[in-house]
């Protein structure tokens, strides 16, 4: 799943080894974001809300984390 973080950058979240792995996507490459840990029991449809909690300091007025088409 890919997410746009307030129009500032994009992250990709993948289910790996019974947990979630988070990568920052930029210029055709992915870099792991080891400091962002998503609980393994979190459902896929809850991830945008979780990412909003994690990255809320980047938000501007009226901006949101949104899931991008796969």
PDB file of N, CA and C in Angstrom:
ATOM      1  N   UNK A   1       0.843  -1.168   0.000  1.00  0.00           N
ATOM      2  CA  UNK A   1       0.000   0.000   0.000  1.00  0.00           C
ATOM      3  C   UNK A   1       0.894   1.239   0.000  1.00  0.00           C
ATOM      4  N   UNK A   2       0.485   2.209  -0.789  1.00  0.00           N
ATOM      5  CA  UNK A   2       1.229   3.466  -0.849  1.00  0.00           C
ATOM      6  C   UNK A   2       0.373   4.583  -0.270  1.00  0.00           C
ATOM      7  N   UNK A   3       1.054   5.485   0.444  1.00  0.00           N
ATOM      8  CA  UNK A   3       0.366   6.588   1.088  1.00  0.00           C
ATOM      9  C   UNK A   3       1.087   7.892   0.788  1.00  0.00           C
ATOM     10  N   UNK A   4       0.289   8.935   0.532  1.00  0.00           N
ATOM     11  CA  UNK A   4       0.810  10.284   0.379  1.00  0.00           C
ATOM     12  C   UNK A   4       0.722  10.940   1.753  1.00  0.00           C
ATOM     13  N   UNK A   5       1.851  11.427   2.261  1.00  0.00           N
ATOM     14  CA  UNK A   5       1.905  12.037   3.577  1.00  0.00           C
ATOM     15  C   UNK A   5       1.843  13.556   3.410  1.00  0.00           C
ATOM     16  N   UNK A   6       0.617  14.082   3.456  1.00  0.00           N
ATOM     17  CA  UNK A   6       0.356  15.528   3.406  1.00  0.00           C
ATOM     18  C   UNK A   6       0.948  16.222   2.184  1.00  0.00           C
ATOM     19  N   UNK A   7       1.126  15.483   1.088  1.00  0.00           N
ATOM     20  CA  UNK A   7       1.686  16.081  -0.120  1.00  0.00           C
ATOM     21  C   UNK A   7       3.178  16.362  -0.021  1.00  0.00           C
ATOM     22  N   UNK A   8       3.827  15.917   1.050  1.00  0.00           N
ATOM     23  CA  UNK A   8       5.246  16.187   1.269  1.00  0.00           C
ATOM     24  C   UNK A   8       6.140  15.037   0.822  1.00  0.00           C
ATOM     25  N   UNK A   9       5.711  13.810   1.070  1.00  0.00           N
ATOM     26  CA  UNK A   9       6.472  12.628   0.653  1.00  0.00           C
ATOM     27  C   UNK A   9       5.535  11.434   0.649  1.00  0.00           C
ATOM     28  N   UNK A  10       6.046  10.322   0.142  1.00  0.00           N
ATOM     29  CA  UNK A  10       5.245   9.104   0.048  1.00  0.00           C
ATOM     30  C   UNK A  10       5.919   7.972   0.811  1.00  0.00           C
ATOM     31  N   UNK A  11       5.092   7.106   1.384  1.00  0.00           N
ATOM     32  CA  UNK A  11       5.601   5.906   2.023  1.00  0.00           C
ATOM     33  C   UNK A  11       4.867   4.704   1.452  1.00  0.00           C
ATOM     34  N   UNK A  12       5.568   3.588   1.476  1.00  0.00           N
ATOM     35  CA  UNK A  12       4.987   2.312   1.070  1.00  0.00           C
ATOM     36  C   UNK A  12       4.991   1.408   2.294  1.00  0.00           C
ATOM     37  N   UNK A  13       3.869   0.766   2.543  1.00  0.00           N
ATOM     38  CA  UNK A  13       3.729  -0.131   3.685  1.00  0.00           C
ATOM     39  C   UNK A  13       3.459  -1.527   3.136  1.00  0.00           C
ATOM     40  N   UNK A  14       4.269  -2.488   3.574  1.00  0.00           N
ATOM     41  CA  UNK A  14       4.150  -3.873   3.095  1.00  0.00           C
ATOM     42  C   UNK A  14       4.019  -4.817   4.270  1.00  0.00           C
ATOM     43  N   UNK A  15       3.238  -5.850   4.076  1.00  0.00           N
ATOM     44  CA  UNK A  15       3.100  -6.899   5.079  1.00  0.00           C
ATOM     45  C   UNK A  15       4.269  -7.860   4.878  1.00  0.00           C
ATOM     46  N   UNK A  16       5.123  -7.992   5.894  1.00  0.00           N
ATOM     47  CA  UNK A  16       6.295  -8.864   5.808  1.00  0.00           C
ATOM     48  C   UNK A  16       6.492  -9.573   7.142  1.00  0.00           C
ATOM     49  N   UNK A  17       6.617 -10.883   7.113  1.00  0.00           N
ATOM     50  CA  UNK A  17       6.928 -11.674   8.301  1.00  0.00           C
ATOM     51  C   UNK A  17       5.981 -11.366   9.464  1.00  0.00           C
ATOM     52  N   UNK A  18       4.684 -11.438   9.231  1.00  0.00           N
ATOM     53  CA  UNK A  18       3.662 -11.209  10.255  1.00  0.00           C
ATOM     54  C   UNK A  18       3.700  -9.803  10.855  1.00  0.00           C
ATOM     55  N   UNK A  19       4.269  -8.858  10.153  1.00  0.00           N
ATOM     56  CA  UNK A  19       4.307  -7.469  10.615  1.00  0.00           C
ATOM     57  C   UNK A  19       4.263  -6.531   9.423  1.00  0.00           C
ATOM     58  N   UNK A  20       4.339  -5.261   9.712  1.00  0.00           N
ATOM     59  CA  UNK A  20       4.327  -4.239   8.673  1.00  0.00           C
ATOM     60  C   UNK A  20       5.712  -3.618   8.539  1.00  0.00           C
ATOM     61  N   UNK A  21       6.168  -3.445   7.307  1.00  0.00           N
ATOM     62  CA  UNK A  21       7.422  -2.752   7.027  1.00  0.00           C
ATOM     63  C   UNK A  21       7.095  -1.458   6.295  1.00  0.00           C
ATOM     64  N   UNK A  22       7.807  -0.393   6.655  1.00  0.00           N
ATOM     65  CA  UNK A  22       7.532   0.925   6.093  1.00  0.00           C
ATOM     66  C   UNK A  22       8.759   1.407   5.328  1.00  0.00           C
ATOM     67  N   UNK A  23       8.526   1.910   4.122  1.00  0.00           N
ATOM     68  CA  UNK A  23       9.586   2.422   3.258  1.00  0.00           C
ATOM     69  C   UNK A  23       9.211   3.809   2.777  1.00  0.00           C
ATOM     70  N   UNK A  24      10.189   4.677   2.659  1.00  0.00           N
ATOM     71  CA  UNK A  24       9.968   5.977   2.034  1.00  0.00           C
ATOM     72  C   UNK A  24      10.261   5.813   0.550  1.00  0.00           C
ATOM     73  N   UNK A  25       9.354   6.277  -0.287  1.00  0.00           N
ATOM     74  CA  UNK A  25       9.495   6.167  -1.740  1.00  0.00           C
ATOM     75  C   UNK A  25       9.911   7.511  -2.301  1.00  0.00           C
ATOM     76  N   UNK A  26      11.014   7.505  -3.053  1.00  0.00           N
ATOM     77  CA  UNK A  26      11.443   8.736  -3.716  1.00  0.00           C
ATOM     78  C   UNK A  26      12.321   8.413  -4.908  1.00  0.00           C
ATOM     79  N   UNK A  27      12.054   9.072  -5.994  1.00  0.00           N
ATOM     80  CA  UNK A  27      12.831   8.985  -7.224  1.00  0.00           C
ATOM     81  C   UNK A  27      13.137   7.545  -7.622  1.00  0.00           C
ATOM     82  N   UNK A  28      12.110   6.694  -7.630  1.00  0.00           N
ATOM     83  CA  UNK A  28      12.264   5.331  -8.104  1.00  0.00           C
ATOM     84  C   UNK A  28      12.973   4.376  -7.168  1.00  0.00           C
ATOM     85  N   UNK A  29      13.181   4.772  -5.912  1.00  0.00           N
ATOM     86  CA  UNK A  29      13.812   3.861  -4.966  1.00  0.00           C
ATOM     87  C   UNK A  29      13.052   3.884  -3.646  1.00  0.00           C
ATOM     88  N   UNK A  30      13.276   2.840  -2.861  1.00  0.00           N
ATOM     89  CA  UNK A  30      12.644   2.729  -1.547  1.00  0.00           C
ATOM     90  C   UNK A  30      13.723   2.658  -0.478  1.00  0.00           C
ATOM     91  N   UNK A  31      13.540   3.415   0.579  1.00  0.00           N
ATOM     92  CA  UNK A  31      14.456   3.398   1.720  1.00  0.00           C
ATOM     93  C   UNK A  31      13.659   3.008   2.956  1.00  0.00           C
ATOM     94  N   UNK A  32      14.128   2.009   3.720  1.00  0.00           N
ATOM     95  CA  UNK A  32      13.386   1.614   4.916  1.00  0.00           C
ATOM     96  C   UNK A  32      13.323   2.744   5.944  1.00  0.00           C
ATOM     97  N   UNK A  33      12.173   2.877   6.580  1.00  0.00           N
ATOM     98  CA  UNK A  33      11.997   3.820   7.678  1.00  0.00           C
ATOM     99  C   UNK A  33      11.940   2.993   8.964  1.00  0.00           C
ATOM    100  N   UNK A  34      13.087   2.707   9.519  1.00  0.00           N
ATOM    101  CA  UNK A  34      13.162   1.831  10.692  1.00  0.00           C
ATOM    102  C   UNK A  34      12.556   2.470  11.940  1.00  0.00           C
ATOM    103  N   UNK A  35      12.477   3.792  11.978  1.00  0.00           N
ATOM    104  CA  UNK A  35      11.940   4.452  13.162  1.00  0.00           C
ATOM    105  C   UNK A  35      10.410   4.518  13.182  1.00  0.00           C
ATOM    106  N   UNK A  36       9.759   4.076  12.096  1.00  0.00           N
ATOM    107  CA  UNK A  36       8.294   3.998  12.057  1.00  0.00           C
ATOM    108  C   UNK A  36       7.916   2.527  12.201  1.00  0.00           C
ATOM    109  N   UNK A  37       7.313   2.198  13.329  1.00  0.00           N
ATOM    110  CA  UNK A  37       6.931   0.816  13.616  1.00  0.00           C
ATOM    111  C   UNK A  37       5.416   0.740  13.704  1.00  0.00           C
ATOM    112  N   UNK A  38       4.825  -0.019  12.807  1.00  0.00           N
ATOM    113  CA  UNK A  38       3.376  -0.212  12.801  1.00  0.00           C
ATOM    114  C   UNK A  38       3.089  -1.547  13.485  1.00  0.00           C
ATOM    115  N   UNK A  39       2.222  -1.560  14.491  1.00  0.00           N
ATOM    116  CA  UNK A  39       1.909  -2.817  15.181  1.00  0.00           C
ATOM    117  C   UNK A  39       1.400  -3.884  14.206  1.00  0.00           C
ATOM    118  N   UNK A  40       1.897  -5.096  14.345  1.00  0.00           N
ATOM    119  CA  UNK A  40       1.545  -6.179  13.438  1.00  0.00           C
ATOM    120  C   UNK A  40       0.070  -6.520  13.421  1.00  0.00           C
ATOM    121  N   UNK A  41      -0.630  -6.293  14.527  1.00  0.00           N
ATOM    122  CA  UNK A  41      -2.043  -6.639  14.596  1.00  0.00           C
ATOM    123  C   UNK A  41      -2.952  -5.581  13.973  1.00  0.00           C
ATOM    124  N   UNK A  42      -2.383  -4.465  13.541  1.00  0.00           N
ATOM    125  CA  UNK A  42      -3.178  -3.400  12.938  1.00  0.00           C
ATOM    126  C   UNK A  42      -3.696  -3.860  11.574  1.00  0.00           C
ATOM    127  N   UNK A  43      -4.970  -3.639  11.322  1.00  0.00           N
ATOM    128  CA  UNK A  43      -5.578  -4.008  10.034  1.00  0.00           C
ATOM    129  C   UNK A  43      -5.150  -3.015   8.958  1.00  0.00           C
ATOM    130  N   UNK A  44      -5.119  -3.473   7.721  1.00  0.00           N
ATOM    131  CA  UNK A  44      -4.700  -2.637   6.606  1.00  0.00           C
ATOM    132  C   UNK A  44      -5.499  -1.363   6.459  1.00  0.00           C
ATOM    133  N   UNK A  45      -6.802  -1.416   6.753  1.00  0.00           N
ATOM    134  CA  UNK A  45      -7.626  -0.220   6.601  1.00  0.00           C
ATOM    135  C   UNK A  45      -7.447   0.784   7.734  1.00  0.00           C
ATOM    136  N   UNK A  46      -6.616   0.457   8.731  1.00  0.00           N
ATOM    137  CA  UNK A  46      -6.337   1.369   9.842  1.00  0.00           C
ATOM    138  C   UNK A  46      -4.987   2.073   9.703  1.00  0.00           C
ATOM    139  N   UNK A  47      -4.226   1.710   8.678  1.00  0.00           N
ATOM    140  CA  UNK A  47      -2.860   2.218   8.558  1.00  0.00           C
ATOM    141  C   UNK A  47      -2.812   3.713   8.270  1.00  0.00           C
ATOM    142  N   UNK A  48      -3.700   4.234   7.448  1.00  0.00           N
ATOM    143  CA  UNK A  48      -3.689   5.672   7.155  1.00  0.00           C
ATOM    144  C   UNK A  48      -3.892   6.482   8.438  1.00  0.00           C
ATOM    145  N   UNK A  49      -4.777   6.037   9.310  1.00  0.00           N
ATOM    146  CA  UNK A  49      -5.015   6.722  10.582  1.00  0.00           C
ATOM    147  C   UNK A  49      -3.760   6.663  11.446  1.00  0.00           C
ATOM    148  N   UNK A  50      -3.117   5.503  11.474  1.00  0.00           N
ATOM    149  CA  UNK A  50      -1.899   5.341  12.267  1.00  0.00           C
ATOM    150  C   UNK A  50      -0.789   6.259  11.736  1.00  0.00           C
ATOM    151  N   UNK A  51      -0.624   6.291  10.411  1.00  0.00           N
ATOM    152  CA  UNK A  51       0.400   7.158   9.823  1.00  0.00           C
ATOM    153  C   UNK A  51       0.108   8.631  10.099  1.00  0.00           C
ATOM    154  N   UNK A  52      -1.162   8.997  10.122  1.00  0.00           N
ATOM    155  CA  UNK A  52      -1.537  10.368  10.469  1.00  0.00           C
ATOM    156  C   UNK A  52      -1.104  10.684  11.899  1.00  0.00           C
ATOM    157  N   UNK A  53      -1.254   9.743  12.806  1.00  0.00           N
ATOM    158  CA  UNK A  53      -0.802   9.943  14.191  1.00  0.00           C
ATOM    159  C   UNK A  53       0.716  10.098  14.263  1.00  0.00           C
ATOM    160  N   UNK A  54       1.431   9.305  13.479  1.00  0.00           N
ATOM    161  CA  UNK A  54       2.896   9.332  13.506  1.00  0.00           C
ATOM    162  C   UNK A  54       3.453  10.619  12.893  1.00  0.00           C
ATOM    163  N   UNK A  55       2.898  11.032  11.770  1.00  0.00           N
ATOM    164  CA  UNK A  55       3.461  12.150  11.007  1.00  0.00           C
ATOM    165  C   UNK A  55       2.691  13.462  11.158  1.00  0.00           C
ATOM    166  N   UNK A  56       1.818  13.590  12.151  1.00  0.00           N
ATOM    167  CA  UNK A  56       0.950  14.758  12.259  1.00  0.00           C
ATOM    168  C   UNK A  56       1.699  16.094  12.290  1.00  0.00           C
ATOM    169  N   UNK A  57       2.961  16.092  12.718  1.00  0.00           N
ATOM    170  CA  UNK A  57       3.708  17.360  12.778  1.00  0.00           C
ATOM    171  C   UNK A  57       4.009  17.920  11.396  1.00  0.00           C
ATOM    172  N   UNK A  58       3.872  17.115  10.340  1.00  0.00           N
ATOM    173  CA  UNK A  58       4.091  17.581   8.968  1.00  0.00           C
ATOM    174  C   UNK A  58       2.825  18.165   8.337  1.00  0.00           C
ATOM    175  N   UNK A  59       1.696  18.030   9.010  1.00  0.00           N
ATOM    176  CA  UNK A  59       0.412  18.426   8.422  1.00  0.00           C
ATOM    177  C   UNK A  59       0.240  19.928   8.400  1.00  0.00           C
ATOM    178  N   UNK A  60      -0.344  20.389   7.323  1.00  0.00           N
ATOM    179  CA  UNK A  60      -0.779  21.770   7.225  1.00  0.00           C
ATOM    180  C   UNK A  60      -2.296  21.795   7.340  1.00  0.00           C
ATOM    181  N   UNK A  61      -2.856  22.951   7.410  1.00  0.00           N
ATOM    182  CA  UNK A  61      -4.291  23.108   7.541  1.00  0.00           C
ATOM    183  C   UNK A  61      -5.027  22.400   6.402  1.00  0.00           C
ATOM    184  N   UNK A  62      -5.917  21.506   6.736  1.00  0.00           N
ATOM    185  CA  UNK A  62      -6.725  20.802   5.748  1.00  0.00           C
ATOM    186  C   UNK A  62      -6.043  19.645   5.052  1.00  0.00           C
ATOM    187  N   UNK A  63      -4.802  19.338   5.398  1.00  0.00           N
ATOM    188  CA  UNK A  63      -4.090  18.238   4.753  1.00  0.00           C
ATOM    189  C   UNK A  63      -4.372  16.922   5.471  1.00  0.00           C
ATOM    190  N   UNK A  64      -4.209  15.822   4.728  1.00  0.00           N
ATOM    191  CA  UNK A  64      -4.473  14.504   5.287  1.00  0.00           C
ATOM    192  C   UNK A  64      -3.512  13.486   4.686  1.00  0.00           C
ATOM    193  N   UNK A  65      -3.331  12.388   5.398  1.00  0.00           N
ATOM    194  CA  UNK A  65      -2.652  11.226   4.842  1.00  0.00           C
ATOM    195  C   UNK A  65      -3.670  10.515   3.981  1.00  0.00           C
ATOM    196  N   UNK A  66      -3.303  10.183   2.763  1.00  0.00           N
ATOM    197  CA  UNK A  66      -4.276   9.494   1.899  1.00  0.00           C
ATOM    198  C   UNK A  66      -3.634   8.314   1.221  1.00  0.00           C
ATOM    199  N   UNK A  67      -4.411   7.259   1.095  1.00  0.00           N
ATOM    200  CA  UNK A  67      -3.927   6.070   0.398  1.00  0.00           C
ATOM    201  C   UNK A  67      -3.943   6.348  -1.098  1.00  0.00           C
ATOM    202  N   UNK A  68      -2.879   5.927  -1.751  1.00  0.00           N
ATOM    203  CA  UNK A  68      -2.743   6.120  -3.198  1.00  0.00           C
ATOM    204  C   UNK A  68      -3.167   4.839  -3.909  1.00  0.00           C
ATOM    205  N   UNK A  69      -3.592   4.930  -5.150  1.00  0.00           N
ATOM    206  CA  UNK A  69      -3.929   3.721  -5.903  1.00  0.00           C
ATOM    207  C   UNK A  69      -2.708   2.809  -6.046  1.00  0.00           C
ATOM    208  N   UNK A  70      -2.939   1.519  -5.985  1.00  0.00           N
ATOM    209  CA  UNK A  70      -1.834   0.550  -6.132  1.00  0.00           C
ATOM    210  C   UNK A  70      -1.404   0.382  -7.558  1.00  0.00           C
TER     211      UNK A  70
END
